[in-house]
């Protein structure tokens, strides 16, 4: 079973995913993952993890998003520099229920 977590045991619901590819290098891609209503205590968050039966992807580029001074969610950036990393990310996202 695939899960998305900031903290162990607290599963998060991914609100949106955006994929961007470099126009200069076709193997380089960046995923922006949005969490609209995080369940975890954000004061304790150091990383974001995507886990499944193959293993774990850990992301540390985490940003709080605000609009007009109001919290709107969390944005996590994950950079993939090889075709293998992209394929692994796609398999994990499909296990979470998202089609890539």
C-alpha atoms as a PDB file:
ATOM      1  CA  UNK A   1       0.000   0.000   0.000  1.00  0.00           C
ATOM      2  CA  UNK A   2       1.361   3.410  -0.982  1.00  0.00           C
ATOM      3  CA  UNK A   3       1.205   6.316   1.463  1.00  0.00           C
ATOM      4  CA  UNK A   4       2.188   9.992   1.539  1.00  0.00           C
ATOM      5  CA  UNK A   5       3.394  11.203   4.949  1.00  0.00           C
ATOM      6  CA  UNK A   6       5.089  14.082   6.723  1.00  0.00           C
ATOM      7  CA  UNK A   7       5.158  12.101   9.983  1.00  0.00           C
ATOM      8  CA  UNK A   8       5.055   8.327  10.551  1.00  0.00           C
ATOM      9  CA  UNK A   9       1.489   7.074  10.885  1.00  0.00           C
ATOM     10  CA  UNK A  10      -0.161  10.289   9.615  1.00  0.00           C
ATOM     11  CA  UNK A  11      -1.249   9.764   5.995  1.00  0.00           C
ATOM     12  CA  UNK A  12      -1.753  12.888   3.907  1.00  0.00           C
ATOM     13  CA  UNK A  13      -4.136  13.522   1.017  1.00  0.00           C
ATOM     14  CA  UNK A  14      -2.403  14.920  -2.086  1.00  0.00           C
ATOM     15  CA  UNK A  15      -4.521  17.747  -3.493  1.00  0.00           C
ATOM     16  CA  UNK A  16      -2.699  18.350  -6.788  1.00  0.00           C
ATOM     17  CA  UNK A  17       0.432  17.340  -8.705  1.00  0.00           C
ATOM     18  CA  UNK A  18       2.114  19.361 -11.447  1.00  0.00           C
ATOM     19  CA  UNK A  19       4.940  17.974 -13.565  1.00  0.00           C
ATOM     20  CA  UNK A  20       7.396  20.215 -15.392  1.00  0.00           C
ATOM     21  CA  UNK A  21      10.088  19.045 -17.816  1.00  0.00           C
ATOM     22  CA  UNK A  22      13.255  20.895 -18.770  1.00  0.00           C
ATOM     23  CA  UNK A  23      13.204  22.106 -22.355  1.00  0.00           C
ATOM     24  CA  UNK A  24      16.985  21.605 -22.520  1.00  0.00           C
ATOM     25  CA  UNK A  25      17.243  18.099 -21.014  1.00  0.00           C
ATOM     26  CA  UNK A  26      14.367  15.659 -21.593  1.00  0.00           C
ATOM     27  CA  UNK A  27      15.374  13.423 -18.655  1.00  0.00           C
ATOM     28  CA  UNK A  28      15.170  16.242 -16.088  1.00  0.00           C
ATOM     29  CA  UNK A  29      11.716  16.689 -14.556  1.00  0.00           C
ATOM     30  CA  UNK A  30      10.311  18.404 -11.482  1.00  0.00           C
ATOM     31  CA  UNK A  31       7.129  17.472  -9.626  1.00  0.00           C
ATOM     32  CA  UNK A  32       5.219  19.970  -7.472  1.00  0.00           C
ATOM     33  CA  UNK A  33       3.013  18.171  -4.980  1.00  0.00           C
ATOM     34  CA  UNK A  34       0.330  20.143  -3.148  1.00  0.00           C
ATOM     35  CA  UNK A  35      -1.248  19.236   0.195  1.00  0.00           C
ATOM     36  CA  UNK A  36      -4.244  21.501   0.865  1.00  0.00           C
ATOM     37  CA  UNK A  37      -5.157  20.436   4.400  1.00  0.00           C
ATOM     38  CA  UNK A  38      -2.163  18.753   6.072  1.00  0.00           C
ATOM     39  CA  UNK A  39      -3.029  16.520   9.032  1.00  0.00           C
ATOM     40  CA  UNK A  40       0.460  16.494  10.560  1.00  0.00           C
ATOM     41  CA  UNK A  41       1.716  19.001  13.134  1.00  0.00           C
ATOM     42  CA  UNK A  42       3.707  21.245  10.765  1.00  0.00           C
ATOM     43  CA  UNK A  43       6.020  22.371  13.600  1.00  0.00           C
ATOM     44  CA  UNK A  44       7.477  18.838  13.640  1.00  0.00           C
ATOM     45  CA  UNK A  45       7.853  18.367   9.864  1.00  0.00           C
ATOM     46  CA  UNK A  46      11.376  17.920   8.453  1.00  0.00           C
ATOM     47  CA  UNK A  47      10.625  15.947   5.302  1.00  0.00           C
ATOM     48  CA  UNK A  48       7.874  14.489   3.141  1.00  0.00           C
ATOM     49  CA  UNK A  49       7.889  10.790   2.281  1.00  0.00           C
ATOM     50  CA  UNK A  50       6.162   8.724  -0.364  1.00  0.00           C
ATOM     51  CA  UNK A  51       6.272   5.016   0.515  1.00  0.00           C
ATOM     52  CA  UNK A  52       5.230   1.822  -1.204  1.00  0.00           C
ATOM     53  CA  UNK A  53       6.358  -1.803  -1.414  1.00  0.00           C
ATOM     54  CA  UNK A  54       9.410  -0.782  -3.509  1.00  0.00           C
ATOM     55  CA  UNK A  55      10.722   1.625  -0.880  1.00  0.00           C
ATOM     56  CA  UNK A  56      10.611   5.313  -0.047  1.00  0.00           C
ATOM     57  CA  UNK A  57      11.134   8.659  -1.779  1.00  0.00           C
ATOM     58  CA  UNK A  58      12.101  11.462   0.622  1.00  0.00           C
ATOM     59  CA  UNK A  59      11.655  15.153  -0.188  1.00  0.00           C
ATOM     60  CA  UNK A  60      13.027  18.042   1.837  1.00  0.00           C
ATOM     61  CA  UNK A  61      12.053  21.013  -0.361  1.00  0.00           C
ATOM     62  CA  UNK A  62       8.821  21.912   1.492  1.00  0.00           C
ATOM     63  CA  UNK A  63       7.163  25.339   1.339  1.00  0.00           C
ATOM     64  CA  UNK A  64       4.160  26.813   3.067  1.00  0.00           C
ATOM     65  CA  UNK A  65       1.777  28.549   0.645  1.00  0.00           C
ATOM     66  CA  UNK A  66      -0.246  31.638   1.598  1.00  0.00           C
ATOM     67  CA  UNK A  67      -2.706  33.864  -0.243  1.00  0.00           C
ATOM     68  CA  UNK A  68      -3.530  37.285   1.201  1.00  0.00           C
ATOM     69  CA  UNK A  69      -1.907  36.241   4.474  1.00  0.00           C
ATOM     70  CA  UNK A  70      -4.011  33.086   4.839  1.00  0.00           C
ATOM     71  CA  UNK A  71      -2.561  29.585   4.814  1.00  0.00           C
ATOM     72  CA  UNK A  72      -3.592  27.699   1.664  1.00  0.00           C
ATOM     73  CA  UNK A  73      -1.464  24.556   1.915  1.00  0.00           C
ATOM     74  CA  UNK A  74       1.941  22.988   1.497  1.00  0.00           C
ATOM     75  CA  UNK A  75       3.974  22.676  -1.706  1.00  0.00           C
ATOM     76  CA  UNK A  76       6.637  19.974  -2.008  1.00  0.00           C
ATOM     77  CA  UNK A  77       9.158  19.979  -4.843  1.00  0.00           C
ATOM     78  CA  UNK A  78      10.814  16.778  -6.095  1.00  0.00           C
ATOM     79  CA  UNK A  79      13.457  16.886  -8.830  1.00  0.00           C
ATOM     80  CA  UNK A  80      14.163  13.849 -10.998  1.00  0.00           C
ATOM     81  CA  UNK A  81      17.331  13.850 -13.097  1.00  0.00           C
ATOM     82  CA  UNK A  82      17.219  10.361 -14.645  1.00  0.00           C
ATOM     83  CA  UNK A  83      14.660   8.394 -16.597  1.00  0.00           C
ATOM     84  CA  UNK A  84      14.760   5.697 -13.885  1.00  0.00           C
ATOM     85  CA  UNK A  85      13.864   8.227 -11.187  1.00  0.00           C
ATOM     86  CA  UNK A  86      10.939   9.459 -13.317  1.00  0.00           C
ATOM     87  CA  UNK A  87       9.659   5.903 -13.883  1.00  0.00           C
ATOM     88  CA  UNK A  88       9.914   5.148 -10.141  1.00  0.00           C
ATOM     89  CA  UNK A  89       7.957   8.323  -9.311  1.00  0.00           C
ATOM     90  CA  UNK A  90       5.254   7.381 -11.858  1.00  0.00           C
ATOM     91  CA  UNK A  91       4.866   3.876 -10.400  1.00  0.00           C
ATOM     92  CA  UNK A  92       4.504   5.279  -6.897  1.00  0.00           C
ATOM     93  CA  UNK A  93       1.953   7.905  -7.999  1.00  0.00           C
ATOM     94  CA  UNK A  94      -0.087   5.228  -9.781  1.00  0.00           C
ATOM     95  CA  UNK A  95      -0.121   3.169  -6.581  1.00  0.00           C
ATOM     96  CA  UNK A  96      -1.448   6.254  -4.798  1.00  0.00           C
ATOM     97  CA  UNK A  97      -4.241   6.475  -7.383  1.00  0.00           C
ATOM     98  CA  UNK A  98      -2.890   9.163  -9.733  1.00  0.00           C
ATOM     99  CA  UNK A  99      -2.236   8.555 -13.428  1.00  0.00           C
ATOM    100  CA  UNK A 100       0.898  10.030 -14.931  1.00  0.00           C
END
